Amino acid sequence: MIFAFTLLSFLIPFIYSIFVFQSSHSESNSSNTIISLTSTPSRFHYELPFAIHSLLSQTQLPKLIRIYLSPTSVIITQNNLTLRHLKLSIQRLDSSKTIAKLFDRLVEIQLESEDYGPATKFLPILKEFGSDSQAIMICDDDQYYHPYTLETLDKYANQFPNSIIGFRGWRGKRFLFLFDSIFSFSSIF
């Protein structure tokens, strides 16, 4: 019974996102937002494909989806943590030509020189675009995103310029201290 509920709680949003994507997708309906995330070897083939599929199925497409990988010994020695392998995993979920074309156009992997742990999903992109007015959406590799996620975030970002918009979050003094010790804010912005 619990397994059936868990399966249904995944399948309903998955099927819904494919339906919404197919009925409302338009190449002209894209955003200037760059999506950033990181992954681990244990999630790369099993959870990351679902997250990427949901991001490629948005009603408003991103400018780019960038996956940052830390230079851990496991990532460096494994040859199957590549765009080609990720695309094969996504094609097992959805074999449509549209998703394959969007993947080729929007998704890239960048191997980082330093390992920041979970912060790898946002520290490298902040270093690259921190002084620009580039919209960035930080995502988790173990989430399946609703088809209207990016469109909703863009809507509120336009209503509240120069603000950080999010669906969930928390504040922790320990994290801010750690962040400040890794990067000084002046080196980022």
N, C-alpha and C. Protein backbone atom coordinates (compact mmCIF):
# COMPACT_ATOMS: atom_id res chain seq x y z
N MET A 1 0.82 -1.19 0.00
CA MET A 1 0.00 0.00 0.00
C MET A 1 0.87 1.26 0.00
N ILE A 2 1.88 1.29 0.85
CA ILE A 2 2.77 2.45 0.90
C ILE A 2 3.52 2.59 -0.41
N PHE A 3 3.98 1.46 -0.97
CA PHE A 3 4.69 1.50 -2.25
C PHE A 3 3.79 2.06 -3.35
N ALA A 4 2.51 1.63 -3.38
CA ALA A 4 1.58 2.11 -4.40
C ALA A 4 1.37 3.61 -4.26
N PHE A 5 1.22 4.10 -3.02
CA PHE A 5 1.05 5.54 -2.79
C PHE A 5 2.29 6.30 -3.23
N THR A 6 3.48 5.78 -2.89
CA THR A 6 4.73 6.42 -3.29
C THR A 6 4.85 6.46 -4.80
N LEU A 7 4.52 5.35 -5.44
CA LEU A 7 4.59 5.28 -6.90
C LEU A 7 3.62 6.27 -7.53
N LEU A 8 2.40 6.33 -7.02
CA LEU A 8 1.42 7.27 -7.56
C LEU A 8 1.83 8.71 -7.32
N SER A 9 2.41 9.00 -6.15
CA SER A 9 2.82 10.37 -5.87
C SER A 9 3.94 10.83 -6.79
N PHE A 10 4.66 9.89 -7.39
CA PHE A 10 5.67 10.24 -8.39
C PHE A 10 5.06 10.26 -9.78
N LEU A 11 4.28 9.25 -10.13
CA LEU A 11 3.77 9.12 -11.49
C LEU A 11 2.82 10.24 -11.90
N ILE A 12 1.98 10.67 -10.99
CA ILE A 12 1.01 11.71 -11.35
C ILE A 12 1.71 13.00 -11.79
N PRO A 13 2.66 13.55 -11.00
CA PRO A 13 3.35 14.77 -11.49
C PRO A 13 4.17 14.51 -12.76
N PHE A 14 4.76 13.32 -12.88
CA PHE A 14 5.58 12.99 -14.04
C PHE A 14 4.72 13.00 -15.31
N ILE A 15 3.60 12.31 -15.28
CA ILE A 15 2.71 12.24 -16.45
C ILE A 15 2.10 13.62 -16.73
N TYR A 16 1.73 14.33 -15.67
CA TYR A 16 1.18 15.68 -15.83
C TYR A 16 2.19 16.60 -16.52
N SER A 17 3.45 16.52 -16.12
CA SER A 17 4.46 17.40 -16.72
C SER A 17 4.64 17.11 -18.20
N ILE A 18 4.58 15.85 -18.58
CA ILE A 18 4.68 15.50 -20.01
C ILE A 18 3.48 16.06 -20.76
N PHE A 19 2.29 15.92 -20.20
CA PHE A 19 1.08 16.45 -20.83
C PHE A 19 1.16 17.97 -20.99
N VAL A 20 1.51 18.68 -19.93
CA VAL A 20 1.60 20.14 -19.98
C VAL A 20 2.67 20.56 -20.98
N PHE A 21 3.80 19.88 -20.95
CA PHE A 21 4.90 20.21 -21.84
C PHE A 21 4.48 20.05 -23.29
N GLN A 22 3.85 18.93 -23.63
CA GLN A 22 3.46 18.68 -25.01
C GLN A 22 2.36 19.62 -25.48
N SER A 23 1.48 20.03 -24.57
CA SER A 23 0.38 20.88 -24.99
C SER A 23 0.72 22.37 -25.02
N SER A 24 1.77 22.79 -24.33
CA SER A 24 2.02 24.23 -24.26
C SER A 24 3.45 24.64 -24.61
N HIS A 25 4.27 23.72 -25.06
CA HIS A 25 5.67 24.06 -25.31
C HIS A 25 5.82 24.92 -26.55
N SER A 26 6.64 25.90 -26.43
CA SER A 26 6.93 26.80 -27.54
C SER A 26 8.38 27.23 -27.44
N GLU A 27 9.11 27.15 -28.53
CA GLU A 27 10.51 27.56 -28.54
C GLU A 27 10.67 29.03 -28.16
N SER A 28 9.65 29.85 -28.51
CA SER A 28 9.75 31.27 -28.23
C SER A 28 9.49 31.59 -26.75
N ASN A 29 8.92 30.66 -26.02
CA ASN A 29 8.61 30.89 -24.62
C ASN A 29 9.78 30.45 -23.74
N SER A 30 10.87 31.17 -23.84
CA SER A 30 12.02 30.82 -23.03
C SER A 30 12.41 31.99 -22.14
N SER A 31 13.16 31.64 -21.14
CA SER A 31 13.56 32.59 -20.11
C SER A 31 15.04 32.94 -20.29
N ASN A 32 15.47 33.96 -19.64
CA ASN A 32 16.89 34.31 -19.63
C ASN A 32 17.59 33.69 -18.41
N THR A 33 16.89 32.85 -17.68
CA THR A 33 17.39 32.25 -16.45
C THR A 33 18.32 31.07 -16.74
N ILE A 34 19.42 31.02 -16.01
CA ILE A 34 20.32 29.87 -16.06
C ILE A 34 20.02 29.00 -14.84
N ILE A 35 19.83 27.72 -15.06
CA ILE A 35 19.59 26.78 -13.97
C ILE A 35 20.92 26.13 -13.60
N SER A 36 21.20 26.08 -12.32
CA SER A 36 22.45 25.52 -11.82
C SER A 36 22.15 24.43 -10.80
N LEU A 37 22.86 23.32 -10.91
CA LEU A 37 22.74 22.25 -9.93
C LEU A 37 24.00 21.42 -9.92
N THR A 38 24.12 20.58 -8.92
CA THR A 38 25.24 19.67 -8.82
C THR A 38 24.68 18.28 -8.58
N SER A 39 25.53 17.28 -8.71
CA SER A 39 25.10 15.91 -8.46
C SER A 39 26.27 15.10 -7.94
N THR A 40 25.96 13.92 -7.49
CA THR A 40 26.97 12.99 -6.99
C THR A 40 26.94 11.74 -7.85
N PRO A 41 28.00 10.94 -7.81
CA PRO A 41 27.99 9.70 -8.60
C PRO A 41 26.80 8.79 -8.26
N SER A 42 26.40 8.75 -7.01
CA SER A 42 25.29 7.87 -6.63
C SER A 42 23.94 8.36 -7.15
N ARG A 43 23.80 9.64 -7.45
CA ARG A 43 22.54 10.19 -7.96
C ARG A 43 22.55 10.44 -9.46
N PHE A 44 23.70 10.41 -10.08
CA PHE A 44 23.86 10.83 -11.47
C PHE A 44 22.95 10.07 -12.42
N HIS A 45 22.84 8.75 -12.27
CA HIS A 45 22.06 7.93 -13.21
C HIS A 45 20.66 7.64 -12.72
N TYR A 46 20.36 7.93 -11.45
CA TYR A 46 19.08 7.50 -10.90
C TYR A 46 18.15 8.66 -10.53
N GLU A 47 18.67 9.72 -9.96
CA GLU A 47 17.82 10.84 -9.57
C GLU A 47 17.98 12.04 -10.49
N LEU A 48 19.20 12.34 -10.89
CA LEU A 48 19.46 13.49 -11.76
C LEU A 48 18.65 13.45 -13.06
N PRO A 49 18.50 12.30 -13.73
CA PRO A 49 17.70 12.31 -14.97
C PRO A 49 16.27 12.79 -14.77
N PHE A 50 15.65 12.45 -13.63
CA PHE A 50 14.29 12.92 -13.36
C PHE A 50 14.28 14.44 -13.18
N ALA A 51 15.25 14.97 -12.46
CA ALA A 51 15.32 16.42 -12.25
C ALA A 51 15.52 17.14 -13.58
N ILE A 52 16.46 16.65 -14.39
CA ILE A 52 16.73 17.29 -15.69
C ILE A 52 15.51 17.19 -16.60
N HIS A 53 14.87 16.03 -16.61
CA HIS A 53 13.67 15.88 -17.43
C HIS A 53 12.61 16.91 -17.02
N SER A 54 12.42 17.08 -15.72
CA SER A 54 11.41 18.05 -15.28
C SER A 54 11.80 19.48 -15.65
N LEU A 55 13.09 19.77 -15.65
CA LEU A 55 13.55 21.11 -16.03
C LEU A 55 13.44 21.34 -17.54
N LEU A 56 13.59 20.28 -18.32
CA LEU A 56 13.40 20.38 -19.77
C LEU A 56 11.93 20.41 -20.15
N SER A 57 11.05 20.07 -19.20
CA SER A 57 9.60 20.03 -19.45
C SER A 57 8.89 21.26 -18.90
N GLN A 58 9.62 22.32 -18.63
CA GLN A 58 9.02 23.54 -18.11
C GLN A 58 8.20 24.24 -19.19
N THR A 59 7.15 24.92 -18.77
CA THR A 59 6.35 25.70 -19.73
C THR A 59 7.14 26.89 -20.25
N GLN A 60 8.09 27.35 -19.46
CA GLN A 60 9.02 28.40 -19.88
C GLN A 60 10.42 27.81 -19.75
N LEU A 61 11.12 27.68 -20.85
CA LEU A 61 12.42 27.02 -20.83
C LEU A 61 13.53 27.94 -20.33
N PRO A 62 14.55 27.37 -19.70
CA PRO A 62 15.68 28.19 -19.24
C PRO A 62 16.62 28.51 -20.41
N LYS A 63 17.50 29.44 -20.16
CA LYS A 63 18.54 29.78 -21.13
C LYS A 63 19.57 28.65 -21.20
N LEU A 64 19.84 28.02 -20.05
CA LEU A 64 20.87 27.00 -19.94
C LEU A 64 20.63 26.20 -18.66
N ILE A 65 20.98 24.93 -18.68
CA ILE A 65 20.99 24.09 -17.48
C ILE A 65 22.42 23.61 -17.31
N ARG A 66 23.05 24.07 -16.25
CA ARG A 66 24.45 23.72 -16.02
C ARG A 66 24.56 22.82 -14.79
N ILE A 67 25.23 21.69 -14.98
CA ILE A 67 25.46 20.73 -13.90
C ILE A 67 26.93 20.81 -13.52
N TYR A 68 27.20 21.20 -12.28
CA TYR A 68 28.57 21.29 -11.79
C TYR A 68 28.92 20.00 -11.06
N LEU A 69 30.05 19.42 -11.41
CA LEU A 69 30.54 18.23 -10.72
C LEU A 69 31.83 18.56 -10.00
N SER A 70 31.94 18.10 -8.76
CA SER A 70 33.15 18.32 -7.96
C SER A 70 34.24 17.36 -8.39
N PRO A 71 35.49 17.77 -8.24
CA PRO A 71 36.61 16.92 -8.70
C PRO A 71 36.97 15.83 -7.67
N THR A 72 35.98 15.06 -7.23
CA THR A 72 36.29 13.97 -6.31
C THR A 72 36.93 12.84 -7.10
N SER A 73 37.63 11.98 -6.40
CA SER A 73 38.32 10.88 -7.08
C SER A 73 37.33 9.96 -7.80
N VAL A 74 36.14 9.79 -7.25
CA VAL A 74 35.14 8.93 -7.89
C VAL A 74 34.69 9.53 -9.22
N ILE A 75 34.43 10.81 -9.25
CA ILE A 75 33.98 11.46 -10.49
C ILE A 75 35.08 11.45 -11.55
N ILE A 76 36.30 11.69 -11.14
CA ILE A 76 37.40 11.72 -12.10
C ILE A 76 37.67 10.34 -12.68
N THR A 77 37.55 9.28 -11.89
CA THR A 77 37.87 7.93 -12.38
C THR A 77 36.72 7.27 -13.12
N GLN A 78 35.48 7.72 -12.92
CA GLN A 78 34.35 7.11 -13.62
C GLN A 78 34.18 7.74 -14.99
N ASN A 79 34.04 6.90 -15.98
CA ASN A 79 33.87 7.40 -17.35
C ASN A 79 32.41 7.55 -17.75
N ASN A 80 31.48 7.17 -16.87
CA ASN A 80 30.07 7.20 -17.26
C ASN A 80 29.32 8.40 -16.68
N LEU A 81 30.01 9.39 -16.20
CA LEU A 81 29.36 10.61 -15.70
C LEU A 81 29.51 11.70 -16.74
N THR A 82 28.94 11.45 -17.90
CA THR A 82 29.07 12.36 -19.04
C THR A 82 27.69 12.78 -19.54
N LEU A 83 27.67 13.78 -20.40
CA LEU A 83 26.41 14.20 -21.01
C LEU A 83 25.78 13.06 -21.79
N ARG A 84 26.59 12.29 -22.49
CA ARG A 84 26.06 11.17 -23.29
C ARG A 84 25.33 10.16 -22.41
N HIS A 85 25.93 9.81 -21.28
CA HIS A 85 25.29 8.86 -20.37
C HIS A 85 24.04 9.45 -19.72
N LEU A 86 24.09 10.73 -19.39
CA LEU A 86 22.91 11.38 -18.80
C LEU A 86 21.77 11.42 -19.82
N LYS A 87 22.09 11.73 -21.06
CA LYS A 87 21.06 11.78 -22.11
C LYS A 87 20.42 10.40 -22.30
N LEU A 88 21.22 9.34 -22.25
CA LEU A 88 20.67 7.98 -22.36
C LEU A 88 19.72 7.68 -21.21
N SER A 89 20.06 8.12 -20.02
CA SER A 89 19.18 7.90 -18.86
C SER A 89 17.87 8.66 -19.02
N ILE A 90 17.93 9.87 -19.56
CA ILE A 90 16.72 10.66 -19.78
C ILE A 90 15.87 10.05 -20.89
N GLN A 91 16.52 9.53 -21.93
CA GLN A 91 15.78 8.92 -23.03
C GLN A 91 15.03 7.66 -22.59
N ARG A 92 15.50 7.01 -21.53
CA ARG A 92 14.74 5.89 -20.98
C ARG A 92 13.44 6.36 -20.33
N LEU A 93 13.43 7.61 -19.86
CA LEU A 93 12.21 8.19 -19.27
C LEU A 93 11.28 8.73 -20.34
N ASP A 94 11.86 9.39 -21.33
CA ASP A 94 11.07 10.08 -22.34
C ASP A 94 11.87 10.06 -23.64
N SER A 95 11.43 9.28 -24.59
CA SER A 95 12.19 9.11 -25.82
C SER A 95 11.81 10.11 -26.91
N SER A 96 11.08 11.15 -26.56
CA SER A 96 10.65 12.12 -27.56
C SER A 96 11.85 12.87 -28.15
N LYS A 97 11.71 13.22 -29.41
CA LYS A 97 12.76 13.97 -30.09
C LYS A 97 12.89 15.39 -29.53
N THR A 98 11.78 15.93 -29.06
CA THR A 98 11.80 17.28 -28.51
C THR A 98 12.69 17.35 -27.28
N ILE A 99 12.53 16.40 -26.37
CA ILE A 99 13.36 16.38 -25.16
C ILE A 99 14.83 16.18 -25.54
N ALA A 100 15.11 15.31 -26.50
CA ALA A 100 16.49 15.08 -26.94
C ALA A 100 17.11 16.35 -27.52
N LYS A 101 16.35 17.09 -28.33
CA LYS A 101 16.85 18.34 -28.91
C LYS A 101 17.08 19.40 -27.83
N LEU A 102 16.14 19.50 -26.91
CA LEU A 102 16.30 20.46 -25.82
C LEU A 102 17.50 20.11 -24.95
N PHE A 103 17.69 18.83 -24.69
CA PHE A 103 18.85 18.40 -23.91
C PHE A 103 20.14 18.84 -24.59
N ASP A 104 20.25 18.57 -25.89
CA ASP A 104 21.46 18.94 -26.64
C ASP A 104 21.70 20.45 -26.62
N ARG A 105 20.63 21.22 -26.67
CA ARG A 105 20.75 22.67 -26.73
C ARG A 105 20.99 23.33 -25.36
N LEU A 106 20.42 22.75 -24.30
CA LEU A 106 20.40 23.46 -23.02
C LEU A 106 21.30 22.90 -21.92
N VAL A 107 21.62 21.62 -21.96
CA VAL A 107 22.29 20.98 -20.82
C VAL A 107 23.80 20.89 -21.05
N GLU A 108 24.55 21.28 -20.03
CA GLU A 108 26.00 21.11 -20.07
C GLU A 108 26.52 20.71 -18.70
N ILE A 109 27.65 20.03 -18.70
CA ILE A 109 28.32 19.62 -17.46
C ILE A 109 29.64 20.35 -17.37
N GLN A 110 29.94 20.85 -16.18
CA GLN A 110 31.22 21.53 -15.96
C GLN A 110 31.90 20.88 -14.76
N LEU A 111 33.10 20.40 -14.97
CA LEU A 111 33.90 19.82 -13.89
C LEU A 111 34.64 20.95 -13.19
N GLU A 112 34.37 21.09 -11.90
CA GLU A 112 34.97 22.16 -11.11
C GLU A 112 36.37 21.78 -10.64
N SER A 113 37.16 22.77 -10.33
CA SER A 113 38.52 22.53 -9.83
C SER A 113 38.55 22.32 -8.32
N GLU A 114 37.50 22.79 -7.62
CA GLU A 114 37.43 22.62 -6.17
C GLU A 114 36.11 21.96 -5.79
N ASP A 115 36.12 21.24 -4.67
CA ASP A 115 34.93 20.58 -4.17
C ASP A 115 34.34 21.41 -3.04
N TYR A 116 33.14 21.95 -3.27
CA TYR A 116 32.45 22.74 -2.26
C TYR A 116 31.29 21.96 -1.64
N GLY A 117 31.21 20.67 -1.90
CA GLY A 117 30.10 19.87 -1.40
C GLY A 117 28.81 20.33 -2.05
N PRO A 118 27.71 20.36 -1.28
CA PRO A 118 26.42 20.80 -1.85
C PRO A 118 26.44 22.24 -2.36
N ALA A 119 27.35 23.06 -1.87
CA ALA A 119 27.44 24.45 -2.32
C ALA A 119 27.97 24.54 -3.75
N THR A 120 28.42 23.43 -4.32
CA THR A 120 28.91 23.42 -5.70
C THR A 120 27.81 23.81 -6.67
N LYS A 121 26.54 23.69 -6.26
CA LYS A 121 25.46 24.07 -7.17
C LYS A 121 25.31 25.57 -7.31
N PHE A 122 25.90 26.36 -6.38
CA PHE A 122 25.75 27.81 -6.54
C PHE A 122 27.04 28.62 -6.44
N LEU A 123 28.05 28.16 -5.77
CA LEU A 123 29.27 28.97 -5.66
C LEU A 123 29.97 29.20 -7.01
N PRO A 124 30.17 28.18 -7.84
CA PRO A 124 30.82 28.44 -9.13
C PRO A 124 30.02 29.38 -10.04
N ILE A 125 28.71 29.25 -10.05
CA ILE A 125 27.93 30.12 -10.92
C ILE A 125 27.89 31.55 -10.38
N LEU A 126 27.95 31.71 -9.05
CA LEU A 126 28.05 33.05 -8.49
C LEU A 126 29.39 33.70 -8.83
N LYS A 127 30.45 32.90 -8.83
CA LYS A 127 31.76 33.43 -9.21
C LYS A 127 31.74 33.89 -10.66
N GLU A 128 31.05 33.16 -11.52
CA GLU A 128 31.02 33.49 -12.94
C GLU A 128 30.09 34.66 -13.24
N PHE A 129 28.90 34.69 -12.63
CA PHE A 129 27.89 35.69 -12.99
C PHE A 129 27.54 36.64 -11.85
N GLY A 130 28.26 36.59 -10.73
CA GLY A 130 27.91 37.37 -9.55
C GLY A 130 27.79 38.86 -9.77
N SER A 131 28.61 39.42 -10.62
CA SER A 131 28.55 40.87 -10.83
C SER A 131 27.58 41.25 -11.96
N ASP A 132 27.09 40.27 -12.70
CA ASP A 132 26.12 40.53 -13.77
C ASP A 132 24.71 40.48 -13.20
N SER A 133 23.76 40.93 -13.97
CA SER A 133 22.37 40.83 -13.54
C SER A 133 21.73 39.59 -14.15
N GLN A 134 22.45 38.50 -14.12
CA GLN A 134 21.98 37.23 -14.67
C GLN A 134 21.05 36.54 -13.68
N ALA A 135 19.86 36.17 -14.13
CA ALA A 135 18.93 35.41 -13.29
C ALA A 135 19.43 33.97 -13.20
N ILE A 136 19.48 33.45 -11.98
CA ILE A 136 19.98 32.09 -11.73
C ILE A 136 18.95 31.36 -10.87
N MET A 137 18.63 30.14 -11.28
CA MET A 137 17.74 29.28 -10.49
C MET A 137 18.57 28.11 -9.98
N ILE A 138 18.67 27.98 -8.66
CA ILE A 138 19.44 26.91 -8.04
C ILE A 138 18.49 25.74 -7.79
N CYS A 139 18.88 24.54 -8.26
CA CYS A 139 18.01 23.37 -8.14
C CYS A 139 18.73 22.23 -7.43
N ASP A 140 17.95 21.29 -6.96
CA ASP A 140 18.47 20.07 -6.36
C ASP A 140 18.32 18.93 -7.36
N ASP A 141 19.27 18.01 -7.34
CA ASP A 141 19.24 16.89 -8.29
C ASP A 141 18.28 15.78 -7.87
N ASP A 142 17.68 15.89 -6.71
CA ASP A 142 16.76 14.85 -6.24
C ASP A 142 15.32 15.34 -6.18
N GLN A 143 15.01 16.37 -6.95
CA GLN A 143 13.65 16.92 -6.99
C GLN A 143 13.09 16.81 -8.41
N TYR A 144 11.79 16.60 -8.50
CA TYR A 144 11.11 16.65 -9.79
C TYR A 144 10.28 17.93 -9.76
N TYR A 145 10.59 18.86 -10.64
CA TYR A 145 10.02 20.20 -10.60
C TYR A 145 8.71 20.29 -11.39
N HIS A 146 7.75 20.98 -10.80
CA HIS A 146 6.46 21.21 -11.44
C HIS A 146 6.70 21.96 -12.75
N PRO A 147 5.90 21.70 -13.79
CA PRO A 147 6.12 22.34 -15.09
C PRO A 147 6.08 23.87 -15.08
N TYR A 148 5.44 24.47 -14.09
CA TYR A 148 5.34 25.93 -14.03
C TYR A 148 6.36 26.56 -13.08
N THR A 149 7.33 25.80 -12.60
CA THR A 149 8.27 26.32 -11.61
C THR A 149 9.03 27.54 -12.11
N LEU A 150 9.71 27.41 -13.25
CA LEU A 150 10.51 28.52 -13.77
C LEU A 150 9.64 29.71 -14.15
N GLU A 151 8.51 29.44 -14.77
CA GLU A 151 7.60 30.53 -15.15
C GLU A 151 7.13 31.30 -13.91
N THR A 152 6.82 30.59 -12.84
CA THR A 152 6.38 31.24 -11.60
C THR A 152 7.50 32.06 -10.98
N LEU A 153 8.70 31.48 -10.91
CA LEU A 153 9.83 32.23 -10.35
C LEU A 153 10.14 33.47 -11.17
N ASP A 154 10.10 33.35 -12.50
CA ASP A 154 10.34 34.52 -13.36
C ASP A 154 9.28 35.60 -13.15
N LYS A 155 8.04 35.18 -12.99
CA LYS A 155 6.95 36.13 -12.76
C LYS A 155 7.22 36.97 -11.51
N TYR A 156 7.58 36.31 -10.42
CA TYR A 156 7.83 37.05 -9.18
C TYR A 156 9.15 37.80 -9.21
N ALA A 157 10.12 37.28 -9.93
CA ALA A 157 11.39 38.01 -10.07
C ALA A 157 11.17 39.33 -10.81
N ASN A 158 10.27 39.33 -11.79
CA ASN A 158 9.95 40.57 -12.50
C ASN A 158 9.15 41.53 -11.63
N GLN A 159 8.32 41.00 -10.75
CA GLN A 159 7.54 41.85 -9.84
C GLN A 159 8.41 42.46 -8.74
N PHE A 160 9.46 41.72 -8.35
CA PHE A 160 10.34 42.16 -7.26
C PHE A 160 11.79 42.18 -7.74
N PRO A 161 12.17 43.14 -8.58
CA PRO A 161 13.53 43.19 -9.09
C PRO A 161 14.55 43.36 -7.95
N ASN A 162 15.76 42.90 -8.20
CA ASN A 162 16.85 42.98 -7.22
C ASN A 162 16.54 42.21 -5.94
N SER A 163 15.74 41.16 -6.05
CA SER A 163 15.38 40.34 -4.91
C SER A 163 15.75 38.89 -5.18
N ILE A 164 15.85 38.11 -4.12
CA ILE A 164 16.05 36.67 -4.24
C ILE A 164 14.68 36.03 -4.06
N ILE A 165 14.26 35.26 -5.05
CA ILE A 165 12.94 34.64 -5.05
C ILE A 165 13.15 33.13 -4.89
N GLY A 166 12.34 32.50 -4.07
CA GLY A 166 12.47 31.06 -3.87
C GLY A 166 11.19 30.45 -3.37
N PHE A 167 11.13 29.14 -3.42
CA PHE A 167 9.97 28.41 -2.93
C PHE A 167 10.17 27.91 -1.50
N ARG A 168 11.40 27.69 -1.12
CA ARG A 168 11.68 27.24 0.24
C ARG A 168 13.11 27.63 0.59
N GLY A 169 13.38 27.71 1.87
CA GLY A 169 14.71 28.07 2.31
C GLY A 169 14.77 28.19 3.80
N TRP A 170 15.94 28.42 4.30
CA TRP A 170 16.15 28.60 5.73
C TRP A 170 17.40 29.40 5.94
N ARG A 171 17.53 29.94 7.12
CA ARG A 171 18.68 30.76 7.46
C ARG A 171 19.45 30.07 8.58
N GLY A 172 20.74 30.04 8.46
CA GLY A 172 21.56 29.45 9.50
C GLY A 172 22.84 30.22 9.67
N LYS A 173 23.16 30.61 10.88
CA LYS A 173 24.36 31.40 11.12
C LYS A 173 25.61 30.61 10.80
N ARG A 174 25.62 29.31 11.09
CA ARG A 174 26.81 28.48 10.82
C ARG A 174 27.12 28.48 9.32
N PHE A 175 26.08 28.37 8.49
CA PHE A 175 26.29 28.35 7.05
C PHE A 175 26.87 29.68 6.57
N LEU A 176 26.34 30.79 7.05
CA LEU A 176 26.85 32.09 6.63
C LEU A 176 28.32 32.26 7.01
N PHE A 177 28.71 31.76 8.18
CA PHE A 177 30.10 31.82 8.59
C PHE A 177 30.96 30.96 7.66
N LEU A 178 30.48 29.77 7.35
CA LEU A 178 31.21 28.87 6.45
C LEU A 178 31.34 29.50 5.07
N PHE A 179 30.24 30.07 4.56
CA PHE A 179 30.25 30.70 3.25
C PHE A 179 31.26 31.85 3.21
N ASP A 180 31.26 32.67 4.25
CA ASP A 180 32.16 33.80 4.30
C ASP A 180 33.62 33.36 4.42
N SER A 181 33.87 32.21 5.06
CA SER A 181 35.24 31.75 5.17
C SER A 181 35.75 31.13 3.87
N ILE A 182 34.85 30.60 3.04
CA ILE A 182 35.27 30.03 1.75
C ILE A 182 35.47 31.14 0.73
N PHE A 183 34.50 32.05 0.66
CA PHE A 183 34.55 33.17 -0.28
C PHE A 183 34.28 34.45 0.47
N SER A 184 35.07 35.42 0.25
CA SER A 184 34.70 36.72 0.79
C SER A 184 33.72 37.32 -0.21
N PHE A 185 32.71 38.00 0.26
CA PHE A 185 31.70 38.55 -0.64
C PHE A 185 32.32 39.50 -1.65
N SER A 186 33.38 40.18 -1.28
CA SER A 186 33.99 41.12 -2.21
C SER A 186 34.64 40.40 -3.41
N SER A 187 35.05 39.14 -3.23
CA SER A 187 35.64 38.42 -4.36
C SER A 187 34.60 37.90 -5.32
N ILE A 188 33.34 37.78 -4.86
CA ILE A 188 32.28 37.29 -5.72
C ILE A 188 31.62 38.44 -6.46
N PHE A 189 31.32 39.52 -5.73
CA PHE A 189 30.54 40.61 -6.34
C PHE A 189 31.39 41.80 -6.64
